[in-house]
Amino acid sequence: MGRINSKDKGRRGEQQLVKKLKEYGFETRRTVQYNGKAEEGQADLIGLPNIHIECKRTEKLKAYDFIDQVKRDKKSDELGVIFHKRNNCEWICILTLDDFIKLYKESNYSDMKEGE
């Protein structure tokens, strides 16, 4: 019974994240919804190019376990991002320092001078 509830909570978490990302104007969807089945190594959501999304809707944050998973599953040209949410809390994003640096260097923010 616990496994079914866990899968259901994961599905609901993915649906909640899709809805939240749509509020920001991003057209994402659950990978299982797109191809009809869960496959080992695939991202939980698709629709953000070059981002491998893992969605974790859990009370216990196992950041390094999740990072190991995303590093194992993402393609070399993708940024691995873990979206995590606990009950009654906001969504947060977790990524490695290397992926953060890549993201930051590609942003307009890295070109700005202090005080702009």
PDB file of N, CA and C in Angstrom:
ATOM      1  N   MET A   1       0.818  -1.193   0.000  1.00  0.00           N
ATOM      2  CA  MET A   1       0.000   0.000   0.000  1.00  0.00           C
ATOM      3  C   MET A   1       0.864   1.260   0.000  1.00  0.00           C
ATOM      4  N   GLY A   2       1.958   1.272   0.750  1.00  0.00           N
ATOM      5  CA  GLY A   2       2.829   2.432   0.809  1.00  0.00           C
ATOM      6  C   GLY A   2       3.408   2.781  -0.547  1.00  0.00           C
ATOM      7  N   ARG A   3       3.749   1.773  -1.353  1.00  0.00           N
ATOM      8  CA  ARG A   3       4.324   2.004  -2.685  1.00  0.00           C
ATOM      9  C   ARG A   3       3.313   2.694  -3.597  1.00  0.00           C
ATOM     10  N   ILE A   4       2.060   2.285  -3.529  1.00  0.00           N
ATOM     11  CA  ILE A   4       1.017   2.902  -4.343  1.00  0.00           C
ATOM     12  C   ILE A   4       0.857   4.363  -3.949  1.00  0.00           C
ATOM     13  N   ASN A   5       0.810   4.633  -2.639  1.00  0.00           N
ATOM     14  CA  ASN A   5       0.681   6.009  -2.186  1.00  0.00           C
ATOM     15  C   ASN A   5       1.883   6.831  -2.614  1.00  0.00           C
ATOM     16  N   SER A   6       3.064   6.280  -2.570  1.00  0.00           N
ATOM     17  CA  SER A   6       4.279   6.971  -2.976  1.00  0.00           C
ATOM     18  C   SER A   6       4.230   7.312  -4.464  1.00  0.00           C
ATOM     19  N   LYS A   7       3.827   6.353  -5.295  1.00  0.00           N
ATOM     20  CA  LYS A   7       3.701   6.604  -6.733  1.00  0.00           C
ATOM     21  C   LYS A   7       2.649   7.657  -7.009  1.00  0.00           C
ATOM     22  N   ASP A   8       1.532   7.582  -6.292  1.00  0.00           N
ATOM     23  CA  ASP A   8       0.459   8.557  -6.466  1.00  0.00           C
ATOM     24  C   ASP A   8       0.932   9.950  -6.054  1.00  0.00           C
ATOM     25  N   LYS A   9       1.666  10.024  -4.954  1.00  0.00           N
ATOM     26  CA  LYS A   9       2.192  11.313  -4.501  1.00  0.00           C
ATOM     27  C   LYS A   9       3.182  11.861  -5.523  1.00  0.00           C
ATOM     28  N   GLY A  10       4.003  11.006  -6.106  1.00  0.00           N
ATOM     29  CA  GLY A  10       4.938  11.429  -7.142  1.00  0.00           C
ATOM     30  C   GLY A  10       4.215  11.958  -8.365  1.00  0.00           C
ATOM     31  N   ARG A  11       3.172  11.260  -8.780  1.00  0.00           N
ATOM     32  CA  ARG A  11       2.372  11.696  -9.931  1.00  0.00           C
ATOM     33  C   ARG A  11       1.737  13.046  -9.651  1.00  0.00           C
ATOM     34  N   ARG A  12       1.159  13.183  -8.463  1.00  0.00           N
ATOM     35  CA  ARG A  12       0.518  14.459  -8.099  1.00  0.00           C
ATOM     36  C   ARG A  12       1.555  15.577  -8.025  1.00  0.00           C
ATOM     37  N   GLY A  13       2.738  15.277  -7.505  1.00  0.00           N
ATOM     38  CA  GLY A  13       3.811  16.270  -7.454  1.00  0.00           C
ATOM     39  C   GLY A  13       4.207  16.731  -8.848  1.00  0.00           C
ATOM     40  N   GLU A  14       4.324  15.791  -9.769  1.00  0.00           N
ATOM     41  CA  GLU A  14       4.655  16.152 -11.148  1.00  0.00           C
ATOM     42  C   GLU A  14       3.563  17.019 -11.754  1.00  0.00           C
ATOM     43  N   GLN A  15       2.305  16.682 -11.500  1.00  0.00           N
ATOM     44  CA  GLN A  15       1.194  17.489 -12.010  1.00  0.00           C
ATOM     45  C   GLN A  15       1.208  18.897 -11.404  1.00  0.00           C
ATOM     46  N   GLN A  16       1.507  18.994 -10.117  1.00  0.00           N
ATOM     47  CA  GLN A  16       1.588  20.303  -9.458  1.00  0.00           C
ATOM     48  C   GLN A  16       2.719  21.136 -10.053  1.00  0.00           C
ATOM     49  N   LEU A  17       3.849  20.515 -10.319  1.00  0.00           N
ATOM     50  CA  LEU A  17       4.977  21.240 -10.878  1.00  0.00           C
ATOM     51  C   LEU A  17       4.680  21.696 -12.305  1.00  0.00           C
ATOM     52  N   VAL A  18       4.045  20.858 -13.093  1.00  0.00           N
ATOM     53  CA  VAL A  18       3.634  21.265 -14.449  1.00  0.00           C
ATOM     54  C   VAL A  18       2.748  22.502 -14.359  1.00  0.00           C
ATOM     55  N   LYS A  19       1.785  22.480 -13.459  1.00  0.00           N
ATOM     56  CA  LYS A  19       0.877  23.623 -13.291  1.00  0.00           C
ATOM     57  C   LYS A  19       1.656  24.877 -12.884  1.00  0.00           C
ATOM     58  N   LYS A  20       2.580  24.741 -11.944  1.00  0.00           N
ATOM     59  CA  LYS A  20       3.376  25.880 -11.476  1.00  0.00           C
ATOM     60  C   LYS A  20       4.236  26.443 -12.608  1.00  0.00           C
ATOM     61  N   LEU A  21       4.881  25.581 -13.374  1.00  0.00           N
ATOM     62  CA  LEU A  21       5.717  26.049 -14.477  1.00  0.00           C
ATOM     63  C   LEU A  21       4.875  26.719 -15.562  1.00  0.00           C
ATOM     64  N   LYS A  22       3.658  26.235 -15.771  1.00  0.00           N
ATOM     65  CA  LYS A  22       2.748  26.882 -16.727  1.00  0.00           C
ATOM     66  C   LYS A  22       2.373  28.287 -16.256  1.00  0.00           C
ATOM     67  N   GLU A  23       2.272  28.488 -14.942  1.00  0.00           N
ATOM     68  CA  GLU A  23       1.998  29.822 -14.417  1.00  0.00           C
ATOM     69  C   GLU A  23       3.108  30.802 -14.798  1.00  0.00           C
ATOM     70  N   TYR A  24       4.310  30.294 -14.983  1.00  0.00           N
ATOM     71  CA  TYR A  24       5.444  31.119 -15.396  1.00  0.00           C
ATOM     72  C   TYR A  24       5.578  31.199 -16.920  1.00  0.00           C
ATOM     73  N   GLY A  25       4.665  30.553 -17.625  1.00  0.00           N
ATOM     74  CA  GLY A  25       4.659  30.623 -19.080  1.00  0.00           C
ATOM     75  C   GLY A  25       5.391  29.499 -19.792  1.00  0.00           C
ATOM     76  N   PHE A  26       5.798  28.461 -19.066  1.00  0.00           N
ATOM     77  CA  PHE A  26       6.523  27.342 -19.671  1.00  0.00           C
ATOM     78  C   PHE A  26       5.556  26.201 -19.985  1.00  0.00           C
ATOM     79  N   GLU A  27       5.653  25.665 -21.179  1.00  0.00           N
ATOM     80  CA  GLU A  27       4.821  24.537 -21.592  1.00  0.00           C
ATOM     81  C   GLU A  27       5.551  23.236 -21.301  1.00  0.00           C
ATOM     82  N   THR A  28       5.319  22.710 -20.129  1.00  0.00           N
ATOM     83  CA  THR A  28       5.937  21.447 -19.744  1.00  0.00           C
ATOM     84  C   THR A  28       4.854  20.392 -19.599  1.00  0.00           C
ATOM     85  N   ARG A  29       5.275  19.161 -19.553  1.00  0.00           N
ATOM     86  CA  ARG A  29       4.333  18.055 -19.300  1.00  0.00           C
ATOM     87  C   ARG A  29       5.099  16.888 -18.706  1.00  0.00           C
ATOM     88  N   ARG A  30       4.339  16.014 -18.064  1.00  0.00           N
ATOM     89  CA  ARG A  30       4.931  14.819 -17.477  1.00  0.00           C
ATOM     90  C   ARG A  30       5.427  13.914 -18.601  1.00  0.00           C
ATOM     91  N   THR A  31       6.606  13.336 -18.433  1.00  0.00           N
ATOM     92  CA  THR A  31       7.151  12.439 -19.443  1.00  0.00           C
ATOM     93  C   THR A  31       6.264  11.209 -19.596  1.00  0.00           C
ATOM     94  N   VAL A  32       5.780  10.688 -18.490  1.00  0.00           N
ATOM     95  CA  VAL A  32       4.902   9.511 -18.544  1.00  0.00           C
ATOM     96  C   VAL A  32       3.641   9.837 -19.335  1.00  0.00           C
ATOM     97  N   GLN A  33       3.134  11.045 -19.182  1.00  0.00           N
ATOM     98  CA  GLN A  33       1.955  11.481 -19.925  1.00  0.00           C
ATOM     99  C   GLN A  33       2.258  11.514 -21.423  1.00  0.00           C
ATOM    100  N   TYR A  34       3.486  11.897 -21.762  1.00  0.00           N
ATOM    101  CA  TYR A  34       3.889  12.054 -23.153  1.00  0.00           C
ATOM    102  C   TYR A  34       4.111  10.708 -23.839  1.00  0.00           C
ATOM    103  N   ASN A  35       4.804   9.797 -23.163  1.00  0.00           N
ATOM    104  CA  ASN A  35       5.113   8.529 -23.830  1.00  0.00           C
ATOM    105  C   ASN A  35       4.367   7.332 -23.253  1.00  0.00           C
ATOM    106  N   GLY A  36       3.569   7.559 -22.209  1.00  0.00           N
ATOM    107  CA  GLY A  36       2.703   6.516 -21.694  1.00  0.00           C
ATOM    108  C   GLY A  36       3.307   5.550 -20.695  1.00  0.00           C
ATOM    109  N   LYS A  37       4.613   5.656 -20.452  1.00  0.00           N
ATOM    110  CA  LYS A  37       5.224   4.744 -19.488  1.00  0.00           C
ATOM    111  C   LYS A  37       6.491   5.373 -18.914  1.00  0.00           C
ATOM    112  N   ALA A  38       6.820   4.931 -17.736  1.00  0.00           N
ATOM    113  CA  ALA A  38       8.057   5.409 -17.094  1.00  0.00           C
ATOM    114  C   ALA A  38       9.211   4.525 -17.557  1.00  0.00           C
ATOM    115  N   GLU A  39      10.273   5.172 -17.987  1.00  0.00           N
ATOM    116  CA  GLU A  39      11.460   4.444 -18.406  1.00  0.00           C
ATOM    117  C   GLU A  39      12.633   4.861 -17.537  1.00  0.00           C
ATOM    118  N   GLU A  40      13.502   3.944 -17.264  1.00  0.00           N
ATOM    119  CA  GLU A  40      14.696   4.223 -16.457  1.00  0.00           C
ATOM    120  C   GLU A  40      15.522   5.319 -17.107  1.00  0.00           C
ATOM    121  N   GLY A  41      15.885   6.318 -16.338  1.00  0.00           N
ATOM    122  CA  GLY A  41      16.783   7.360 -16.816  1.00  0.00           C
ATOM    123  C   GLY A  41      16.129   8.553 -17.491  1.00  0.00           C
ATOM    124  N   GLN A  42      14.835   8.512 -17.687  1.00  0.00           N
ATOM    125  CA  GLN A  42      14.195   9.658 -18.331  1.00  0.00           C
ATOM    126  C   GLN A  42      13.843  10.737 -17.307  1.00  0.00           C
ATOM    127  N   ALA A  43      13.775  11.961 -17.773  1.00  0.00           N
ATOM    128  CA  ALA A  43      13.382  13.070 -16.908  1.00  0.00           C
ATOM    129  C   ALA A  43      11.919  12.912 -16.507  1.00  0.00           C
ATOM    130  N   ASP A  44      11.547  13.503 -15.374  1.00  0.00           N
ATOM    131  CA  ASP A  44      10.152  13.439 -14.930  1.00  0.00           C
ATOM    132  C   ASP A  44       9.250  14.358 -15.744  1.00  0.00           C
ATOM    133  N   LEU A  45       9.789  15.519 -16.143  1.00  0.00           N
ATOM    134  CA  LEU A  45       9.041  16.470 -16.960  1.00  0.00           C
ATOM    135  C   LEU A  45       9.862  16.827 -18.182  1.00  0.00           C
ATOM    136  N   ILE A  46       9.171  17.170 -19.264  1.00  0.00           N
ATOM    137  CA  ILE A  46       9.839  17.665 -20.458  1.00  0.00           C
ATOM    138  C   ILE A  46       9.226  19.009 -20.829  1.00  0.00           C
ATOM    139  N   GLY A  47       9.956  19.764 -21.625  1.00  0.00           N
ATOM    140  CA  GLY A  47       9.444  21.039 -22.096  1.00  0.00           C
ATOM    141  C   GLY A  47      10.383  22.208 -21.851  1.00  0.00           C
ATOM    142  N   LEU A  48      11.392  22.021 -21.029  1.00  0.00           N
ATOM    143  CA  LEU A  48      12.423  23.041 -20.843  1.00  0.00           C
ATOM    144  C   LEU A  48      13.677  22.511 -21.542  1.00  0.00           C
ATOM    145  N   PRO A  49      13.985  23.034 -22.723  1.00  0.00           N
ATOM    146  CA  PRO A  49      15.115  22.501 -23.496  1.00  0.00           C
ATOM    147  C   PRO A  49      16.417  22.509 -22.695  1.00  0.00           C
ATOM    148  N   ASN A  50      17.143  21.428 -22.824  1.00  0.00           N
ATOM    149  CA  ASN A  50      18.464  21.248 -22.202  1.00  0.00           C
ATOM    150  C   ASN A  50      18.431  21.199 -20.679  1.00  0.00           C
ATOM    151  N   ILE A  51      17.266  20.977 -20.105  1.00  0.00           N
ATOM    152  CA  ILE A  51      17.127  20.826 -18.655  1.00  0.00           C
ATOM    153  C   ILE A  51      16.574  19.436 -18.380  1.00  0.00           C
ATOM    154  N   HIS A  52      17.288  18.665 -17.591  1.00  0.00           N
ATOM    155  CA  HIS A  52      16.805  17.358 -17.142  1.00  0.00           C
ATOM    156  C   HIS A  52      16.129  17.591 -15.793  1.00  0.00           C
ATOM    157  N   ILE A  53      14.813  17.424 -15.744  1.00  0.00           N
ATOM    158  CA  ILE A  53      14.039  17.725 -14.542  1.00  0.00           C
ATOM    159  C   ILE A  53      13.718  16.453 -13.768  1.00  0.00           C
ATOM    160  N   GLU A  54      14.094  16.459 -12.505  1.00  0.00           N
ATOM    161  CA  GLU A  54      13.651  15.439 -11.560  1.00  0.00           C
ATOM    162  C   GLU A  54      12.730  16.138 -10.566  1.00  0.00           C
ATOM    163  N   CYS A  55      11.550  15.593 -10.383  1.00  0.00           N
ATOM    164  CA  CYS A  55      10.550  16.164  -9.490  1.00  0.00           C
ATOM    165  C   CYS A  55      10.453  15.296  -8.243  1.00  0.00           C
ATOM    166  N   LYS A  56      10.669  15.893  -7.087  1.00  0.00           N
ATOM    167  CA  LYS A  56      10.645  15.160  -5.827  1.00  0.00           C
ATOM    168  C   LYS A  56       9.645  15.817  -4.886  1.00  0.00           C
ATOM    169  N   ARG A  57       8.580  15.107  -4.612  1.00  0.00           N
ATOM    170  CA  ARG A  57       7.516  15.589  -3.731  1.00  0.00           C
ATOM    171  C   ARG A  57       7.562  14.733  -2.482  1.00  0.00           C
ATOM    172  N   THR A  58       8.472  15.086  -1.576  1.00  0.00           N
ATOM    173  CA  THR A  58       8.735  14.257  -0.409  1.00  0.00           C
ATOM    174  C   THR A  58       9.042  15.131   0.792  1.00  0.00           C
ATOM    175  N   GLU A  59       8.828  14.610   1.966  1.00  0.00           N
ATOM    176  CA  GLU A  59       9.110  15.360   3.189  1.00  0.00           C
ATOM    177  C   GLU A  59      10.590  15.317   3.550  1.00  0.00           C
ATOM    178  N   LYS A  60      11.261  14.241   3.183  1.00  0.00           N
ATOM    179  CA  LYS A  60      12.679  14.092   3.515  1.00  0.00           C
ATOM    180  C   LYS A  60      13.512  14.424   2.288  1.00  0.00           C
ATOM    181  N   LEU A  61      14.325  15.443   2.424  1.00  0.00           N
ATOM    182  CA  LEU A  61      15.185  15.869   1.336  1.00  0.00           C
ATOM    183  C   LEU A  61      16.468  15.039   1.351  1.00  0.00           C
ATOM    184  N   LYS A  62      16.637  14.238   0.331  1.00  0.00           N
ATOM    185  CA  LYS A  62      17.846  13.424   0.178  1.00  0.00           C
ATOM    186  C   LYS A  62      18.639  14.012  -0.985  1.00  0.00           C
ATOM    187  N   ALA A  63      19.141  15.234  -0.766  1.00  0.00           N
ATOM    188  CA  ALA A  63      19.735  16.022  -1.849  1.00  0.00           C
ATOM    189  C   ALA A  63      20.818  15.266  -2.605  1.00  0.00           C
ATOM    190  N   TYR A  64      21.743  14.641  -1.895  1.00  0.00           N
ATOM    191  CA  TYR A  64      22.840  13.976  -2.593  1.00  0.00           C
ATOM    192  C   TYR A  64      22.386  12.723  -3.329  1.00  0.00           C
ATOM    193  N   ASP A  65      21.396  12.023  -2.817  1.00  0.00           N
ATOM    194  CA  ASP A  65      20.829  10.886  -3.557  1.00  0.00           C
ATOM    195  C   ASP A  65      20.172  11.381  -4.842  1.00  0.00           C
ATOM    196  N   PHE A  66      19.440  12.499  -4.735  1.00  0.00           N
ATOM    197  CA  PHE A  66      18.768  13.054  -5.912  1.00  0.00           C
ATOM    198  C   PHE A  66      19.790  13.577  -6.921  1.00  0.00           C
ATOM    199  N   ILE A  67      20.853  14.213  -6.435  1.00  0.00           N
ATOM    200  CA  ILE A  67      21.910  14.712  -7.326  1.00  0.00           C
ATOM    201  C   ILE A  67      22.583  13.540  -8.038  1.00  0.00           C
ATOM    202  N   ASP A  68      22.860  12.455  -7.322  1.00  0.00           N
ATOM    203  CA  ASP A  68      23.448  11.272  -7.961  1.00  0.00           C
ATOM    204  C   ASP A  68      22.542  10.764  -9.082  1.00  0.00           C
ATOM    205  N   GLN A  69      21.237  10.746  -8.825  1.00  0.00           N
ATOM    206  CA  GLN A  69      20.289  10.275  -9.828  1.00  0.00           C
ATOM    207  C   GLN A  69      20.320  11.174 -11.073  1.00  0.00           C
ATOM    208  N   VAL A  70      20.252  12.474 -10.866  1.00  0.00           N
ATOM    209  CA  VAL A  70      20.198  13.385 -12.008  1.00  0.00           C
ATOM    210  C   VAL A  70      21.521  13.364 -12.780  1.00  0.00           C
ATOM    211  N   LYS A  71      22.646  13.237 -12.085  1.00  0.00           N
ATOM    212  CA  LYS A  71      23.943  13.150 -12.770  1.00  0.00           C
ATOM    213  C   LYS A  71      24.030  11.877 -13.605  1.00  0.00           C
ATOM    214  N   ARG A  72      23.481  10.810 -13.097  1.00  0.00           N
ATOM    215  CA  ARG A  72      23.496   9.527 -13.798  1.00  0.00           C
ATOM    216  C   ARG A  72      22.584   9.562 -15.034  1.00  0.00           C
ATOM    217  N   ASP A  73      21.450  10.263 -14.925  1.00  0.00           N
ATOM    218  CA  ASP A  73      20.418  10.188 -15.955  1.00  0.00           C
ATOM    219  C   ASP A  73      20.488  11.277 -17.033  1.00  0.00           C
ATOM    220  N   LYS A  74      21.049  12.429 -16.717  1.00  0.00           N
ATOM    221  CA  LYS A  74      21.021  13.531 -17.683  1.00  0.00           C
ATOM    222  C   LYS A  74      22.024  13.307 -18.807  1.00  0.00           C
ATOM    223  N   LYS A  75      21.738  13.922 -19.942  1.00  0.00           N
ATOM    224  CA  LYS A  75      22.673  13.902 -21.058  1.00  0.00           C
ATOM    225  C   LYS A  75      23.776  14.904 -20.770  1.00  0.00           C
ATOM    226  N   SER A  76      24.927  14.741 -21.407  1.00  0.00           N
ATOM    227  CA  SER A  76      26.089  15.587 -21.101  1.00  0.00           C
ATOM    228  C   SER A  76      25.843  17.061 -21.386  1.00  0.00           C
ATOM    229  N   ASP A  77      24.966  17.388 -22.331  1.00  0.00           N
ATOM    230  CA  ASP A  77      24.709  18.786 -22.650  1.00  0.00           C
ATOM    231  C   ASP A  77      23.527  19.371 -21.864  1.00  0.00           C
ATOM    232  N   GLU A  78      22.962  18.605 -20.946  1.00  0.00           N
ATOM    233  CA  GLU A  78      21.827  19.075 -20.158  1.00  0.00           C
ATOM    234  C   GLU A  78      22.271  19.564 -18.784  1.00  0.00           C
ATOM    235  N   LEU A  79      21.495  20.492 -18.250  1.00  0.00           N
ATOM    236  CA  LEU A  79      21.634  20.872 -16.853  1.00  0.00           C
ATOM    237  C   LEU A  79      20.680  19.989 -16.065  1.00  0.00           C
ATOM    238  N   GLY A  80      21.137  19.443 -14.964  1.00  0.00           N
ATOM    239  CA  GLY A  80      20.285  18.619 -14.118  1.00  0.00           C
ATOM    240  C   GLY A  80      19.710  19.466 -12.988  1.00  0.00           C
ATOM    241  N   VAL A  81      18.391  19.517 -12.911  1.00  0.00           N
ATOM    242  CA  VAL A  81      17.739  20.313 -11.873  1.00  0.00           C
ATOM    243  C   VAL A  81      16.723  19.449 -11.142  1.00  0.00           C
ATOM    244  N   ILE A  82      16.803  19.493  -9.829  1.00  0.00           N
ATOM    245  CA  ILE A  82      15.842  18.786  -8.989  1.00  0.00           C
ATOM    246  C   ILE A  82      14.868  19.822  -8.447  1.00  0.00           C
ATOM    247  N   PHE A  83      13.605  19.611  -8.700  1.00  0.00           N
ATOM    248  CA  PHE A  83      12.558  20.447  -8.133  1.00  0.00           C
ATOM    249  C   PHE A  83      12.003  19.682  -6.940  1.00  0.00           C
ATOM    250  N   HIS A  84      12.019  20.294  -5.780  1.00  0.00           N
ATOM    251  CA  HIS A  84      11.612  19.627  -4.542  1.00  0.00           C
ATOM    252  C   HIS A  84      10.552  20.439  -3.824  1.00  0.00           C
ATOM    253  N   LYS A  85       9.580  19.726  -3.259  1.00  0.00           N
ATOM    254  CA  LYS A  85       8.538  20.384  -2.472  1.00  0.00           C
ATOM    255  C   LYS A  85       8.114  19.493  -1.320  1.00  0.00           C
ATOM    256  N   ARG A  86       8.057  20.094  -0.154  1.00  0.00           N
ATOM    257  CA  ARG A  86       7.460  19.462   1.020  1.00  0.00           C
ATOM    258  C   ARG A  86       6.027  19.952   1.152  1.00  0.00           C
ATOM    259  N   ASN A  87       5.248  19.269   1.971  1.00  0.00           N
ATOM    260  CA  ASN A  87       3.892  19.744   2.263  1.00  0.00           C
ATOM    261  C   ASN A  87       3.964  21.145   2.857  1.00  0.00           C
ATOM    262  N   ASN A  88       3.064  21.991   2.432  1.00  0.00           N
ATOM    263  CA  ASN A  88       2.921  23.351   2.953  1.00  0.00           C
ATOM    264  C   ASN A  88       4.162  24.214   2.774  1.00  0.00           C
ATOM    265  N   CYS A  89       4.979  23.912   1.797  1.00  0.00           N
ATOM    266  CA  CYS A  89       6.182  24.701   1.509  1.00  0.00           C
ATOM    267  C   CYS A  89       6.209  25.031   0.022  1.00  0.00           C
ATOM    268  N   GLU A  90       7.043  25.986  -0.336  1.00  0.00           N
ATOM    269  CA  GLU A  90       7.182  26.354  -1.734  1.00  0.00           C
ATOM    270  C   GLU A  90       8.125  25.400  -2.453  1.00  0.00           C
ATOM    271  N   TRP A  91       8.086  25.415  -3.779  1.00  0.00           N
ATOM    272  CA  TRP A  91       9.002  24.631  -4.586  1.00  0.00           C
ATOM    273  C   TRP A  91      10.391  25.239  -4.483  1.00  0.00           C
ATOM    274  N   ILE A  92      11.392  24.389  -4.436  1.00  0.00           N
ATOM    275  CA  ILE A  92      12.783  24.833  -4.503  1.00  0.00           C
ATOM    276  C   ILE A  92      13.489  24.056  -5.609  1.00  0.00           C
ATOM    277  N   CYS A  93      14.615  24.588  -6.073  1.00  0.00           N
ATOM    278  CA  CYS A  93      15.409  23.947  -7.111  1.00  0.00           C
ATOM    279  C   CYS A  93      16.797  23.663  -6.564  1.00  0.00           C
ATOM    280  N   ILE A  94      17.306  22.505  -6.913  1.00  0.00           N
ATOM    281  CA  ILE A  94      18.622  22.080  -6.465  1.00  0.00           C
ATOM    282  C   ILE A  94      19.418  21.686  -7.702  1.00  0.00           C
ATOM    283  N   LEU A  95      20.654  22.196  -7.789  1.00  0.00           N
ATOM    284  CA  LEU A  95      21.537  21.793  -8.865  1.00  0.00           C
ATOM    285  C   LEU A  95      22.966  21.847  -8.366  1.00  0.00           C
ATOM    286  N   THR A  96      23.841  21.172  -9.068  1.00  0.00           N
ATOM    287  CA  THR A  96      25.245  21.171  -8.660  1.00  0.00           C
ATOM    288  C   THR A  96      25.849  22.552  -8.914  1.00  0.00           C
ATOM    289  N   LEU A  97      26.956  22.828  -8.253  1.00  0.00           N
ATOM    290  CA  LEU A  97      27.648  24.093  -8.467  1.00  0.00           C
ATOM    291  C   LEU A  97      28.082  24.217  -9.928  1.00  0.00           C
ATOM    292  N   ASP A  98      28.595  23.143 -10.524  1.00  0.00           N
ATOM    293  CA  ASP A  98      29.008  23.190 -11.930  1.00  0.00           C
ATOM    294  C   ASP A  98      27.844  23.590 -12.836  1.00  0.00           C
ATOM    295  N   ASP A  99      26.663  23.006 -12.610  1.00  0.00           N
ATOM    296  CA  ASP A  99      25.497  23.360 -13.427  1.00  0.00           C
ATOM    297  C   ASP A  99      25.039  24.794 -13.145  1.00  0.00           C
ATOM    298  N   PHE A 100      25.132  25.235 -11.895  1.00  0.00           N
ATOM    299  CA  PHE A 100      24.782  26.614 -11.578  1.00  0.00           C
ATOM    300  C   PHE A 100      25.706  27.576 -12.326  1.00  0.00           C
ATOM    301  N   ILE A 101      27.013  27.296 -12.339  1.00  0.00           N
ATOM    302  CA  ILE A 101      27.981  28.160 -13.014  1.00  0.00           C
ATOM    303  C   ILE A 101      27.684  28.213 -14.510  1.00  0.00           C
ATOM    304  N   LYS A 102      27.377  27.070 -15.125  1.00  0.00           N
ATOM    305  CA  LYS A 102      27.005  27.060 -16.545  1.00  0.00           C
ATOM    306  C   LYS A 102      25.785  27.938 -16.781  1.00  0.00           C
ATOM    307  N   LEU A 103      24.788  27.776 -15.949  1.00  0.00           N
ATOM    308  CA  LEU A 103      23.551  28.552 -16.076  1.00  0.00           C
ATOM    309  C   LEU A 103      23.825  30.047 -15.894  1.00  0.00           C
ATOM    310  N   TYR A 104      24.594  30.379 -14.905  1.00  0.00           N
ATOM    311  CA  TYR A 104      24.893  31.775 -14.614  1.00  0.00           C
ATOM    312  C   TYR A 104      25.698  32.420 -15.742  1.00  0.00           C
ATOM    313  N   LYS A 105      26.688  31.713 -16.249  1.00  0.00           N
ATOM    314  CA  LYS A 105      27.508  32.263 -17.330  1.00  0.00           C
ATOM    315  C   LYS A 105      26.689  32.499 -18.598  1.00  0.00           C
ATOM    316  N   GLU A 106      25.656  31.696 -18.806  1.00  0.00           N
ATOM    317  CA  GLU A 106      24.808  31.856 -19.990  1.00  0.00           C
ATOM    318  C   GLU A 106      23.729  32.918 -19.798  1.00  0.00           C
ATOM    319  N   SER A 107      23.561  33.392 -18.585  1.00  0.00           N
ATOM    320  CA  SER A 107      22.521  34.393 -18.306  1.00  0.00           C
ATOM    321  C   SER A 107      23.032  35.800 -18.568  1.00  0.00           C
ATOM    322  N   ASN A 108      22.120  36.728 -18.644  1.00  0.00           N
ATOM    323  CA  ASN A 108      22.477  38.143 -18.779  1.00  0.00           C
ATOM    324  C   ASN A 108      23.076  38.675 -17.489  1.00  0.00           C
ATOM    325  N   TYR A 109      22.787  38.040 -16.378  1.00  0.00           N
ATOM    326  CA  TYR A 109      23.260  38.523 -15.086  1.00  0.00           C
ATOM    327  C   TYR A 109      24.780  38.509 -14.983  1.00  0.00           C
ATOM    328  N   SER A 110      25.408  37.540 -15.610  1.00  0.00           N
ATOM    329  CA  SER A 110      26.865  37.457 -15.489  1.00  0.00           C
ATOM    330  C   SER A 110      27.558  38.604 -16.220  1.00  0.00           C
ATOM    331  N   ASP A 111      26.872  39.274 -17.143  1.00  0.00           N
ATOM    332  CA  ASP A 111      27.439  40.408 -17.870  1.00  0.00           C
ATOM    333  C   ASP A 111      27.229  41.734 -17.151  1.00  0.00           C
ATOM    334  N   MET A 112      26.353  41.750 -16.159  1.00  0.00           N
ATOM    335  CA  MET A 112      26.050  42.994 -15.459  1.00  0.00           C
ATOM    336  C   MET A 112      27.147  43.355 -14.471  1.00  0.00           C
ATOM    337  N   LYS A 113      27.315  44.647 -14.292  1.00  0.00           N
ATOM    338  CA  LYS A 113      28.245  45.125 -13.270  1.00  0.00           C
ATOM    339  C   LYS A 113      27.477  45.385 -12.009  1.00  0.00           C
ATOM    340  N   GLU A 114      28.163  45.305 -10.893  1.00  0.00           N
ATOM    341  CA  GLU A 114      27.534  45.543  -9.601  1.00  0.00           C
ATOM    342  C   GLU A 114      26.850  46.906  -9.606  1.00  0.00           C
ATOM    343  N   GLY A 115      25.613  46.946  -9.102  1.00  0.00           N
ATOM    344  CA  GLY A 115      24.861  48.193  -8.990  1.00  0.00           C
ATOM    345  C   GLY A 115      23.961  48.483 -10.184  1.00  0.00           C
ATOM    346  N   GLU A 116      24.027  47.708 -11.244  1.00  0.00           N
ATOM    347  CA  GLU A 116      23.155  47.948 -12.401  1.00  0.00           C
ATOM    348  C   GLU A 116      21.748  47.461 -12.147  1.00  0.00           C
TER     349      GLU A 116
END
